Amino acid sequence: MLVPVEEIASDEVLQQAYDWLCARRTDYAPDNDVWCLRWRWDEVKPQIQAALRAGTYRLGAVSLLASKQ
């Protein structure tokens, strides 16, 4: 079953994804890229939506930086 791009790019779905990400990465290292996204979410979210709607959004590799506790 394919999900329409408009549904994926909706405020509700992107907010759910953002909330999930924040909940999963609360204990990540301070220099992890998730913190940059959290600080800039209001700026980045419309850019992600535009790229999704235009069909230009691409997933990239993710690096794991674990903190030593």
PDB file of N, CA and C in Angstrom:
ATOM      1  N   MET A   1       0.839  -1.177   0.000  1.00  0.00           N
ATOM      2  CA  MET A   1       0.000   0.000   0.000  1.00  0.00           C
ATOM      3  C   MET A   1       0.888   1.245   0.000  1.00  0.00           C
ATOM      4  N   LEU A   2       0.728   2.077  -0.985  1.00  0.00           N
ATOM      5  CA  LEU A   2       1.487   3.314  -1.072  1.00  0.00           C
ATOM      6  C   LEU A   2       0.762   4.427  -0.323  1.00  0.00           C
ATOM      7  N   VAL A   3       1.533   5.245   0.371  1.00  0.00           N
ATOM      8  CA  VAL A   3       0.984   6.383   1.099  1.00  0.00           C
ATOM      9  C   VAL A   3       1.222   7.628   0.253  1.00  0.00           C
ATOM     10  N   PRO A   4       0.175   8.432   0.028  1.00  0.00           N
ATOM     11  CA  PRO A   4       0.351   9.648  -0.772  1.00  0.00           C
ATOM     12  C   PRO A   4       1.382  10.604  -0.159  1.00  0.00           C
ATOM     13  N   VAL A   5       2.158  11.233  -0.998  1.00  0.00           N
ATOM     14  CA  VAL A   5       3.191  12.164  -0.546  1.00  0.00           C
ATOM     15  C   VAL A   5       2.585  13.271   0.312  1.00  0.00           C
ATOM     16  N   GLU A   6       1.415  13.751  -0.045  1.00  0.00           N
ATOM     17  CA  GLU A   6       0.788  14.821   0.738  1.00  0.00           C
ATOM     18  C   GLU A   6       0.530  14.388   2.172  1.00  0.00           C
ATOM     19  N   GLU A   7       0.222  13.116   2.366  1.00  0.00           N
ATOM     20  CA  GLU A   7       0.014  12.623   3.731  1.00  0.00           C
ATOM     21  C   GLU A   7       1.339  12.570   4.486  1.00  0.00           C
ATOM     22  N   ILE A   8       2.364  12.076   3.827  1.00  0.00           N
ATOM     23  CA  ILE A   8       3.684  11.996   4.458  1.00  0.00           C
ATOM     24  C   ILE A   8       4.208  13.393   4.784  1.00  0.00           C
ATOM     25  N   ALA A   9       3.966  14.351   3.917  1.00  0.00           N
ATOM     26  CA  ALA A   9       4.471  15.713   4.098  1.00  0.00           C
ATOM     27  C   ALA A   9       3.558  16.572   4.971  1.00  0.00           C
ATOM     28  N   SER A  10       2.491  15.996   5.498  1.00  0.00           N
ATOM     29  CA  SER A  10       1.561  16.783   6.310  1.00  0.00           C
ATOM     30  C   SER A  10       2.203  17.189   7.630  1.00  0.00           C
ATOM     31  N   ASP A  11       1.703  18.279   8.201  1.00  0.00           N
ATOM     32  CA  ASP A  11       2.200  18.739   9.493  1.00  0.00           C
ATOM     33  C   ASP A  11       2.057  17.645  10.552  1.00  0.00           C
ATOM     34  N   GLU A  12       0.933  16.953  10.552  1.00  0.00           N
ATOM     35  CA  GLU A  12       0.662  15.933  11.561  1.00  0.00           C
ATOM     36  C   GLU A  12       1.662  14.777  11.484  1.00  0.00           C
ATOM     37  N   VAL A  13       1.897  14.259  10.293  1.00  0.00           N
ATOM     38  CA  VAL A  13       2.803  13.115  10.146  1.00  0.00           C
ATOM     39  C   VAL A  13       4.246  13.533  10.436  1.00  0.00           C
ATOM     40  N   LEU A  14       4.669  14.677   9.952  1.00  0.00           N
ATOM     41  CA  LEU A  14       6.036  15.125  10.234  1.00  0.00           C
ATOM     42  C   LEU A  14       6.227  15.391  11.720  1.00  0.00           C
ATOM     43  N   GLN A  15       5.213  15.926  12.384  1.00  0.00           N
ATOM     44  CA  GLN A  15       5.312  16.166  13.826  1.00  0.00           C
ATOM     45  C   GLN A  15       5.400  14.843  14.588  1.00  0.00           C
ATOM     46  N   GLN A  16       4.643  13.846  14.156  1.00  0.00           N
ATOM     47  CA  GLN A  16       4.731  12.524  14.785  1.00  0.00           C
ATOM     48  C   GLN A  16       6.139  11.949  14.628  1.00  0.00           C
ATOM     49  N   ALA A  17       6.705  12.087  13.437  1.00  0.00           N
ATOM     50  CA  ALA A  17       8.059  11.585  13.183  1.00  0.00           C
ATOM     51  C   ALA A  17       9.081  12.336  14.037  1.00  0.00           C
ATOM     52  N   TYR A  18       8.921  13.641  14.132  1.00  0.00           N
ATOM     53  CA  TYR A  18       9.820  14.468  14.944  1.00  0.00           C
ATOM     54  C   TYR A  18       9.717  14.082  16.421  1.00  0.00           C
ATOM     55  N   ASP A  19       8.499  13.919  16.920  1.00  0.00           N
ATOM     56  CA  ASP A  19       8.294  13.539  18.321  1.00  0.00           C
ATOM     57  C   ASP A  19       8.915  12.170  18.608  1.00  0.00           C
ATOM     58  N   TRP A  20       8.745  11.220  17.674  1.00  0.00           N
ATOM     59  CA  TRP A  20       9.338   9.899  17.828  1.00  0.00           C
ATOM     60  C   TRP A  20      10.861  10.005  17.904  1.00  0.00           C
ATOM     61  N   LEU A  21      11.447  10.781  16.991  1.00  0.00           N
ATOM     62  CA  LEU A  21      12.892  10.953  16.956  1.00  0.00           C
ATOM     63  C   LEU A  21      13.401  11.557  18.264  1.00  0.00           C
ATOM     64  N   CYS A  22      12.727  12.586  18.739  1.00  0.00           N
ATOM     65  CA  CYS A  22      13.151  13.236  19.983  1.00  0.00           C
ATOM     66  C   CYS A  22      13.078  12.270  21.159  1.00  0.00           C
ATOM     67  N   ALA A  23      12.025  11.476  21.218  1.00  0.00           N
ATOM     68  CA  ALA A  23      11.869  10.513  22.309  1.00  0.00           C
ATOM     69  C   ALA A  23      12.944   9.423  22.257  1.00  0.00           C
ATOM     70  N   ARG A  24      13.305   9.001  21.066  1.00  0.00           N
ATOM     71  CA  ARG A  24      14.301   7.939  20.900  1.00  0.00           C
ATOM     72  C   ARG A  24      15.723   8.409  21.180  1.00  0.00           C
ATOM     73  N   ARG A  25      15.989   9.681  21.015  1.00  0.00           N
ATOM     74  CA  ARG A  25      17.369  10.161  21.084  1.00  0.00           C
ATOM     75  C   ARG A  25      17.629  11.126  22.235  1.00  0.00           C
ATOM     76  N   THR A  26      16.881  11.015  23.306  1.00  0.00           N
ATOM     77  CA  THR A  26      17.079  11.936  24.431  1.00  0.00           C
ATOM     78  C   THR A  26      18.439  11.777  25.086  1.00  0.00           C
ATOM     79  N   ASP A  27      19.025  10.594  25.020  1.00  0.00           N
ATOM     80  CA  ASP A  27      20.309  10.340  25.683  1.00  0.00           C
ATOM     81  C   ASP A  27      21.490  10.335  24.729  1.00  0.00           C
ATOM     82  N   TYR A  28      21.308  10.858  23.521  1.00  0.00           N
ATOM     83  CA  TYR A  28      22.403  10.859  22.555  1.00  0.00           C
ATOM     84  C   TYR A  28      23.437  11.918  22.905  1.00  0.00           C
ATOM     85  N   ALA A  29      24.628  11.742  22.374  1.00  0.00           N
ATOM     86  CA  ALA A  29      25.743  12.652  22.627  1.00  0.00           C
ATOM     87  C   ALA A  29      25.391  14.082  22.223  1.00  0.00           C
ATOM     88  N   PRO A  30      25.937  15.064  22.926  1.00  0.00           N
ATOM     89  CA  PRO A  30      25.615  16.462  22.632  1.00  0.00           C
ATOM     90  C   PRO A  30      26.003  16.914  21.224  1.00  0.00           C
ATOM     91  N   ASP A  31      26.952  16.237  20.591  1.00  0.00           N
ATOM     92  CA  ASP A  31      27.365  16.641  19.249  1.00  0.00           C
ATOM     93  C   ASP A  31      26.669  15.833  18.157  1.00  0.00           C
ATOM     94  N   ASN A  32      25.660  15.051  18.513  1.00  0.00           N
ATOM     95  CA  ASN A  32      24.912  14.276  17.538  1.00  0.00           C
ATOM     96  C   ASN A  32      24.041  15.197  16.699  1.00  0.00           C
ATOM     97  N   ASP A  33      23.833  14.845  15.437  1.00  0.00           N
ATOM     98  CA  ASP A  33      23.083  15.711  14.524  1.00  0.00           C
ATOM     99  C   ASP A  33      21.621  15.901  14.918  1.00  0.00           C
ATOM    100  N   VAL A  34      21.087  15.046  15.761  1.00  0.00           N
ATOM    101  CA  VAL A  34      19.693  15.205  16.170  1.00  0.00           C
ATOM    102  C   VAL A  34      19.484  16.527  16.906  1.00  0.00           C
ATOM    103  N   TRP A  35      20.486  16.983  17.619  1.00  0.00           N
ATOM    104  CA  TRP A  35      20.333  18.232  18.376  1.00  0.00           C
ATOM    105  C   TRP A  35      20.247  19.423  17.439  1.00  0.00           C
ATOM    106  N   CYS A  36      20.987  19.413  16.365  1.00  0.00           N
ATOM    107  CA  CYS A  36      20.894  20.485  15.365  1.00  0.00           C
ATOM    108  C   CYS A  36      19.485  20.531  14.790  1.00  0.00           C
ATOM    109  N   LEU A  37      18.938  19.378  14.476  1.00  0.00           N
ATOM    110  CA  LEU A  37      17.574  19.330  13.952  1.00  0.00           C
ATOM    111  C   LEU A  37      16.584  19.871  14.975  1.00  0.00           C
ATOM    112  N   ARG A  38      16.741  19.484  16.222  1.00  0.00           N
ATOM    113  CA  ARG A  38      15.810  19.954  17.260  1.00  0.00           C
ATOM    114  C   ARG A  38      15.873  21.463  17.419  1.00  0.00           C
ATOM    115  N   TRP A  39      17.053  22.021  17.408  1.00  0.00           N
ATOM    116  CA  TRP A  39      17.196  23.480  17.571  1.00  0.00           C
ATOM    117  C   TRP A  39      16.628  24.240  16.378  1.00  0.00           C
ATOM    118  N   ARG A  40      16.690  23.629  15.192  1.00  0.00           N
ATOM    119  CA  ARG A  40      16.277  24.318  13.959  1.00  0.00           C
ATOM    120  C   ARG A  40      14.981  23.767  13.366  1.00  0.00           C
ATOM    121  N   TRP A  41      14.190  22.986  14.114  1.00  0.00           N
ATOM    122  CA  TRP A  41      13.017  22.308  13.590  1.00  0.00           C
ATOM    123  C   TRP A  41      12.061  23.257  12.886  1.00  0.00           C
ATOM    124  N   ASP A  42      11.782  24.424  13.452  1.00  0.00           N
ATOM    125  CA  ASP A  42      10.840  25.354  12.820  1.00  0.00           C
ATOM    126  C   ASP A  42      11.333  25.836  11.455  1.00  0.00           C
ATOM    127  N   GLU A  43      12.626  25.876  11.275  1.00  0.00           N
ATOM    128  CA  GLU A  43      13.226  26.277   9.994  1.00  0.00           C
ATOM    129  C   GLU A  43      13.317  25.098   9.017  1.00  0.00           C
ATOM    130  N   VAL A  44      13.662  23.930   9.534  1.00  0.00           N
ATOM    131  CA  VAL A  44      13.916  22.756   8.695  1.00  0.00           C
ATOM    132  C   VAL A  44      12.625  22.086   8.223  1.00  0.00           C
ATOM    133  N   LYS A  45      11.610  22.061   9.061  1.00  0.00           N
ATOM    134  CA  LYS A  45      10.360  21.363   8.725  1.00  0.00           C
ATOM    135  C   LYS A  45       9.772  21.807   7.383  1.00  0.00           C
ATOM    136  N   PRO A  46       9.615  23.117   7.116  1.00  0.00           N
ATOM    137  CA  PRO A  46       9.077  23.512   5.808  1.00  0.00           C
ATOM    138  C   PRO A  46       9.979  23.109   4.636  1.00  0.00           C
ATOM    139  N   GLN A  47      11.281  23.053   4.876  1.00  0.00           N
ATOM    140  CA  GLN A  47      12.211  22.629   3.829  1.00  0.00           C
ATOM    141  C   GLN A  47      12.023  21.145   3.519  1.00  0.00           C
ATOM    142  N   ILE A  48      11.824  20.350   4.555  1.00  0.00           N
ATOM    143  CA  ILE A  48      11.571  18.921   4.363  1.00  0.00           C
ATOM    144  C   ILE A  48      10.251  18.719   3.627  1.00  0.00           C
ATOM    145  N   GLN A  49       9.227  19.458   4.043  1.00  0.00           N
ATOM    146  CA  GLN A  49       7.923  19.343   3.377  1.00  0.00           C
ATOM    147  C   GLN A  49       8.027  19.697   1.900  1.00  0.00           C
ATOM    148  N   ALA A  50       8.718  20.766   1.579  1.00  0.00           N
ATOM    149  CA  ALA A  50       8.859  21.187   0.185  1.00  0.00           C
ATOM    150  C   ALA A  50       9.607  20.133  -0.633  1.00  0.00           C
ATOM    151  N   ALA A  51      10.666  19.579  -0.055  1.00  0.00           N
ATOM    152  CA  ALA A  51      11.439  18.554  -0.766  1.00  0.00           C
ATOM    153  C   ALA A  51      10.620  17.279  -0.967  1.00  0.00           C
ATOM    154  N   LEU A  52       9.842  16.886   0.038  1.00  0.00           N
ATOM    155  CA  LEU A  52       8.981  15.713  -0.110  1.00  0.00           C
ATOM    156  C   LEU A  52       7.972  15.935  -1.226  1.00  0.00           C
ATOM    157  N   ARG A  53       7.329  17.092  -1.216  1.00  0.00           N
ATOM    158  CA  ARG A  53       6.302  17.382  -2.221  1.00  0.00           C
ATOM    159  C   ARG A  53       6.875  17.490  -3.626  1.00  0.00           C
ATOM    160  N   ALA A  54       8.116  17.962  -3.724  1.00  0.00           N
ATOM    161  CA  ALA A  54       8.762  18.104  -5.027  1.00  0.00           C
ATOM    162  C   ALA A  54       9.392  16.792  -5.508  1.00  0.00           C
ATOM    163  N   GLY A  55       9.453  15.816  -4.624  1.00  0.00           N
ATOM    164  CA  GLY A  55      10.070  14.535  -4.982  1.00  0.00           C
ATOM    165  C   GLY A  55      11.576  14.576  -4.970  1.00  0.00           C
ATOM    166  N   THR A  56      12.162  15.546  -4.279  1.00  0.00           N
ATOM    167  CA  THR A  56      13.615  15.687  -4.255  1.00  0.00           C
ATOM    168  C   THR A  56      14.239  15.288  -2.919  1.00  0.00           C
ATOM    169  N   TYR A  57      13.436  14.927  -1.938  1.00  0.00           N
ATOM    170  CA  TYR A  57      13.971  14.538  -0.629  1.00  0.00           C
ATOM    171  C   TYR A  57      14.687  13.204  -0.759  1.00  0.00           C
ATOM    172  N   ARG A  58      15.882  13.114  -0.198  1.00  0.00           N
ATOM    173  CA  ARG A  58      16.663  11.883  -0.241  1.00  0.00           C
ATOM    174  C   ARG A  58      17.175  11.569   1.155  1.00  0.00           C
ATOM    175  N   LEU A  59      17.067  10.307   1.517  1.00  0.00           N
ATOM    176  CA  LEU A  59      17.634   9.854   2.781  1.00  0.00           C
ATOM    177  C   LEU A  59      19.127   9.666   2.607  1.00  0.00           C
ATOM    178  N   GLY A  60      19.855   9.932   3.658  1.00  0.00           N
ATOM    179  CA  GLY A  60      21.301   9.763   3.610  1.00  0.00           C
ATOM    180  C   GLY A  60      21.772   8.852   4.730  1.00  0.00           C
ATOM    181  N   ALA A  61      23.032   8.563   4.724  1.00  0.00           N
ATOM    182  CA  ALA A  61      23.628   7.724   5.760  1.00  0.00           C
ATOM    183  C   ALA A  61      23.582   8.442   7.103  1.00  0.00           C
ATOM    184  N   VAL A  62      23.460   7.668   8.145  1.00  0.00           N
ATOM    185  CA  VAL A  62      23.416   8.210   9.497  1.00  0.00           C
ATOM    186  C   VAL A  62      24.622   7.692  10.257  1.00  0.00           C
ATOM    187  N   SER A  63      25.276   8.587  10.982  1.00  0.00           N
ATOM    188  CA  SER A  63      26.405   8.189  11.819  1.00  0.00           C
ATOM    189  C   SER A  63      25.937   8.089  13.263  1.00  0.00           C
ATOM    190  N   LEU A  64      26.395   7.090  13.952  1.00  0.00           N
ATOM    191  CA  LEU A  64      26.051   6.899  15.347  1.00  0.00           C
ATOM    192  C   LEU A  64      27.207   7.372  16.208  1.00  0.00           C
ATOM    193  N   LEU A  65      26.938   8.351  17.056  1.00  0.00           N
ATOM    194  CA  LEU A  65      27.933   8.853  17.988  1.00  0.00           C
ATOM    195  C   LEU A  65      27.409   8.556  19.383  1.00  0.00           C
ATOM    196  N   ALA A  66      27.979   7.589  20.035  1.00  0.00           N
ATOM    197  CA  ALA A  66      27.519   7.210  21.362  1.00  0.00           C
ATOM    198  C   ALA A  66      28.337   7.942  22.426  1.00  0.00           C
ATOM    199  N   SER A  67      27.644   8.364  23.471  1.00  0.00           N
ATOM    200  CA  SER A  67      28.352   9.015  24.569  1.00  0.00           C
ATOM    201  C   SER A  67      28.816   7.952  25.563  1.00  0.00           C
ATOM    202  N   LYS A  68      29.910   8.230  26.225  1.00  0.00           N
ATOM    203  CA  LYS A  68      30.430   7.302  27.222  1.00  0.00           C
ATOM    204  C   LYS A  68      29.956   7.774  28.589  1.00  0.00           C
ATOM    205  N   GLN A  69      29.110   6.945  29.181  1.00  0.00           N
ATOM    206  CA  GLN A  69      28.572   7.326  30.496  1.00  0.00           C
ATOM    207  C   GLN A  69      28.986   6.364  31.549  1.00  0.00           C
TER     208      GLN A  69
END
